[in-house]
């Protein structure tokens, strides 16, 4: 007589299909979640990740907008474009440079040299390195009111000025220079102190370098 399955087994089988499929592994019986539940959890995690990504993107966009806005305002308020020019009036964007500008106007070099001719290197790379270096530290000093009064030239900028003198007057001074380029030589402004700035002001002491 053929054996028939027990009705109880059928109920268990149908019940297991409703709650989860039963499989046998090496240890015993385990229950697997239905595919619909796995799909729901996957979609839920994806939705949360999408929300977090949206919040992060919004925060980054707002932060970037604030930084760019402040940068644009500062550049415009500080007349940043003028620092890319060769106009001596750019120097008086900072009021502490007014006296230096006034004494340059009264100097013997007023008609032949502007600020950049004497205070920047004459090679393309050195020019922008010096401009960036001075721009950063001058802005820092003027913003925090941390500078000597009267202004004093730093050793590095004094060397730049010396090289500018030799660049423009090479035909006159080449026989006076030492044979070795690394040998010490007297600074041009030691004798010609008033060529760039008139001596009739407080700017004259700036010929001595600032040791800081």
Protein backbone atom coordinates (compact mmCIF):
# COMPACT_ATOMS: atom_id res chain seq x y z
CA UNK A 1 0.00 0.00 0.00
CA UNK A 2 1.56 3.37 -1.00
CA UNK A 3 2.52 5.72 1.79
CA UNK A 4 0.84 9.07 1.98
CA UNK A 5 2.22 12.25 3.48
CA UNK A 6 0.92 13.34 6.81
CA UNK A 7 -1.43 16.34 6.78
CA UNK A 8 0.61 17.79 9.61
CA UNK A 9 3.67 17.72 7.42
CA UNK A 10 1.75 19.58 4.75
CA UNK A 11 0.81 22.27 7.23
CA UNK A 12 4.40 22.58 8.35
CA UNK A 13 5.52 22.76 4.75
CA UNK A 14 3.03 25.46 3.86
CA UNK A 15 3.82 27.35 7.05
CA UNK A 16 7.51 27.29 6.32
CA UNK A 17 6.85 28.72 2.87
CA UNK A 18 4.96 31.61 4.43
CA UNK A 19 7.53 32.49 7.09
CA UNK A 20 10.72 31.50 5.31
CA UNK A 21 12.26 28.69 3.30
CA UNK A 22 13.88 25.85 5.27
CA UNK A 23 17.18 24.40 4.11
CA UNK A 24 19.50 21.85 5.64
CA UNK A 25 23.15 22.59 6.15
CA UNK A 26 25.91 20.64 7.82
CA UNK A 27 24.69 21.51 11.32
CA UNK A 28 20.95 21.54 11.23
CA UNK A 29 17.94 23.37 9.93
CA UNK A 30 18.20 27.09 9.24
CA UNK A 31 15.60 29.61 8.11
CA UNK A 32 16.22 31.97 5.20
CA UNK A 33 14.40 35.28 4.94
CA UNK A 34 12.07 35.63 2.00
CA UNK A 35 13.45 37.55 -0.98
CA UNK A 36 10.89 40.31 -0.44
CA UNK A 37 12.28 41.09 3.03
CA UNK A 38 15.87 41.20 1.75
CA UNK A 39 14.85 43.52 -1.05
CA UNK A 40 13.02 45.81 1.40
CA UNK A 41 16.06 46.07 3.68
CA UNK A 42 18.37 46.71 0.74
CA UNK A 43 16.13 49.49 -0.53
CA UNK A 44 15.88 50.95 2.98
CA UNK A 45 19.66 51.10 3.36
CA UNK A 46 19.99 52.63 -0.10
CA UNK A 47 17.40 55.29 0.75
CA UNK A 48 19.23 56.23 3.97
CA UNK A 49 22.55 56.43 2.15
CA UNK A 50 20.95 58.64 -0.50
CA UNK A 51 19.59 61.01 2.15
CA UNK A 52 22.99 61.26 3.87
CA UNK A 53 24.70 61.89 0.54
CA UNK A 54 22.19 64.64 -0.21
CA UNK A 55 22.78 66.30 3.17
CA UNK A 56 26.55 66.14 2.73
CA UNK A 57 26.33 67.58 -0.79
CA UNK A 58 24.13 70.43 0.45
CA UNK A 59 26.50 71.21 3.32
CA UNK A 60 29.52 71.16 1.01
CA UNK A 61 27.77 73.41 -1.53
CA UNK A 62 26.84 75.93 1.19
CA UNK A 63 30.38 75.90 2.63
CA UNK A 64 31.92 76.34 -0.83
CA UNK A 65 29.55 79.21 -1.56
CA UNK A 66 30.47 80.97 1.68
CA UNK A 67 34.21 80.58 1.02
CA UNK A 68 33.94 81.77 -2.58
CA UNK A 69 31.69 84.65 -1.56
CA UNK A 70 34.06 85.85 1.15
CA UNK A 71 37.01 85.44 -1.19
CA UNK A 72 35.34 87.45 -3.94
CA UNK A 73 34.32 90.18 -1.48
CA UNK A 74 37.83 90.39 -0.02
CA UNK A 75 39.43 90.46 -3.47
CA UNK A 76 37.10 93.25 -4.59
CA UNK A 77 37.25 95.26 -1.37
CA UNK A 78 41.06 95.01 -1.26
CA UNK A 79 41.38 95.95 -4.95
CA UNK A 80 43.11 92.66 -5.64
CA UNK A 81 43.24 93.15 -9.41
CA UNK A 82 45.41 96.24 -8.96
CA UNK A 83 48.23 94.10 -7.55
CA UNK A 84 48.61 92.46 -10.94
CA UNK A 85 49.40 95.84 -12.52
CA UNK A 86 52.51 98.00 -12.62
CA UNK A 87 50.80 101.10 -11.22
CA UNK A 88 52.67 102.65 -8.23
CA UNK A 89 49.36 103.84 -6.78
CA UNK A 90 48.63 100.21 -5.94
CA UNK A 91 51.03 100.51 -3.01
CA UNK A 92 48.86 103.14 -1.32
CA UNK A 93 45.95 100.71 -1.13
CA UNK A 94 47.50 100.28 2.33
CA UNK A 95 47.54 103.69 4.00
CA UNK A 96 50.83 102.99 5.80
CA UNK A 97 52.55 103.11 2.40
CA UNK A 98 51.41 106.65 1.65
CA UNK A 99 54.63 108.24 2.91
CA UNK A 100 56.74 105.85 0.85
CA UNK A 101 54.71 106.74 -2.23
CA UNK A 102 55.02 110.48 -1.56
CA UNK A 103 58.80 110.31 -1.18
CA UNK A 104 59.10 108.23 -4.36
CA UNK A 105 57.29 111.00 -6.25
CA UNK A 106 59.98 113.44 -5.06
CA UNK A 107 62.91 111.15 -5.83
CA UNK A 108 65.34 111.28 -8.74
CA UNK A 109 64.03 107.94 -10.09
CA UNK A 110 60.42 109.08 -10.24
CA UNK A 111 60.46 109.40 -14.05
CA UNK A 112 62.46 106.25 -14.81
CA UNK A 113 61.40 103.57 -12.32
CA UNK A 114 58.23 102.48 -10.54
CA UNK A 115 57.87 100.37 -7.41
CA UNK A 116 58.05 97.03 -9.23
CA UNK A 117 61.25 98.02 -11.04
CA UNK A 118 63.16 98.28 -7.76
CA UNK A 119 61.29 96.00 -5.37
CA UNK A 120 60.68 92.94 -7.56
CA UNK A 121 63.06 90.52 -9.20
CA UNK A 122 63.61 90.97 -12.93
CA UNK A 123 63.32 87.28 -13.81
CA UNK A 124 59.77 85.98 -14.44
CA UNK A 125 59.70 83.34 -11.70
CA UNK A 126 61.45 85.42 -9.06
CA UNK A 127 59.10 88.32 -9.74
CA UNK A 128 55.97 86.38 -8.82
CA UNK A 129 57.63 84.56 -5.94
CA UNK A 130 58.65 87.90 -4.42
CA UNK A 131 55.23 89.43 -5.12
CA UNK A 132 53.45 86.50 -3.45
CA UNK A 133 55.83 86.50 -0.48
CA UNK A 134 55.51 90.24 0.11
CA UNK A 135 51.78 90.24 -0.52
CA UNK A 136 51.13 87.56 2.08
CA UNK A 137 53.37 88.91 4.83
CA UNK A 138 52.46 92.54 4.22
CA UNK A 139 48.75 91.69 4.42
CA UNK A 140 49.37 89.73 7.61
CA UNK A 141 51.39 92.54 9.20
CA UNK A 142 48.96 95.31 8.21
CA UNK A 143 45.89 93.30 9.26
CA UNK A 144 47.24 92.63 12.75
CA UNK A 145 49.04 95.98 13.02
CA UNK A 146 52.37 94.21 13.54
CA UNK A 147 54.99 96.24 11.68
CA UNK A 148 57.74 98.72 12.59
CA UNK A 149 57.08 102.43 12.30
CA UNK A 150 58.71 103.74 10.20
CA UNK A 151 58.74 100.75 7.87
CA UNK A 152 62.04 98.92 7.53
CA UNK A 153 63.14 96.78 4.62
CA UNK A 154 63.89 93.10 5.28
CA UNK A 155 67.24 91.56 4.27
CA UNK A 156 65.69 89.50 1.47
CA UNK A 157 63.96 92.53 -0.06
CA UNK A 158 67.11 94.59 0.36
CA UNK A 159 68.93 91.98 -1.72
CA UNK A 160 66.19 92.15 -4.38
CA UNK A 161 66.63 95.92 -4.53
CA UNK A 162 70.41 95.58 -4.86
CA UNK A 163 69.99 93.18 -7.79
CA UNK A 164 67.54 95.61 -9.40
CA UNK A 165 70.17 98.35 -9.24
CA UNK A 166 72.75 96.10 -10.87
CA UNK A 167 70.26 94.99 -13.52
CA UNK A 168 69.51 98.53 -14.70
CA UNK A 169 73.01 99.96 -14.27
CA UNK A 170 75.08 96.96 -15.35
CA UNK A 171 76.93 98.95 -18.03
CA UNK A 172 78.15 101.44 -15.43
CA UNK A 173 79.03 99.19 -12.52
CA UNK A 174 80.29 95.93 -14.04
CA UNK A 175 83.94 97.01 -13.56
CA UNK A 176 83.24 97.80 -9.91
CA UNK A 177 81.79 94.40 -9.04
CA UNK A 178 83.91 91.65 -7.45
CA UNK A 179 85.18 88.84 -9.67
CA UNK A 180 83.18 86.22 -7.77
CA UNK A 181 79.40 86.64 -7.81
CA UNK A 182 79.27 85.32 -4.23
CA UNK A 183 81.69 87.90 -2.86
CA UNK A 184 80.40 90.69 -0.68
CA UNK A 185 79.94 94.11 -2.20
CA UNK A 186 78.78 97.42 -0.84
CA UNK A 187 75.08 98.12 -1.24
CA UNK A 188 74.28 100.69 -3.91
CA UNK A 189 71.95 102.63 -1.61
CA UNK A 190 74.76 103.04 0.90
CA UNK A 191 75.92 105.96 -1.24
CA UNK A 192 72.79 106.60 -3.32
CA UNK A 193 70.24 106.57 -0.54
CA UNK A 194 67.82 109.05 -2.07
CA UNK A 195 67.46 107.67 -5.59
CA UNK A 196 64.28 105.76 -4.79
CA UNK A 197 62.85 107.86 -1.97
CA UNK A 198 63.53 111.44 -1.00
CA UNK A 199 65.54 111.76 2.22
CA UNK A 200 63.31 114.51 3.57
CA UNK A 201 61.01 112.15 5.43
CA UNK A 202 60.87 109.35 7.97
CA UNK A 203 61.28 106.83 5.13
CA UNK A 204 65.04 107.40 5.12
CA UNK A 205 65.67 104.97 8.06
CA UNK A 206 64.12 102.17 5.99
CA UNK A 207 67.46 101.86 4.22
CA UNK A 208 68.62 99.92 7.26
CA UNK A 209 67.23 96.37 7.09
CA UNK A 210 64.77 94.98 9.56
CA UNK A 211 66.50 92.15 11.43
CA UNK A 212 63.24 90.35 12.25
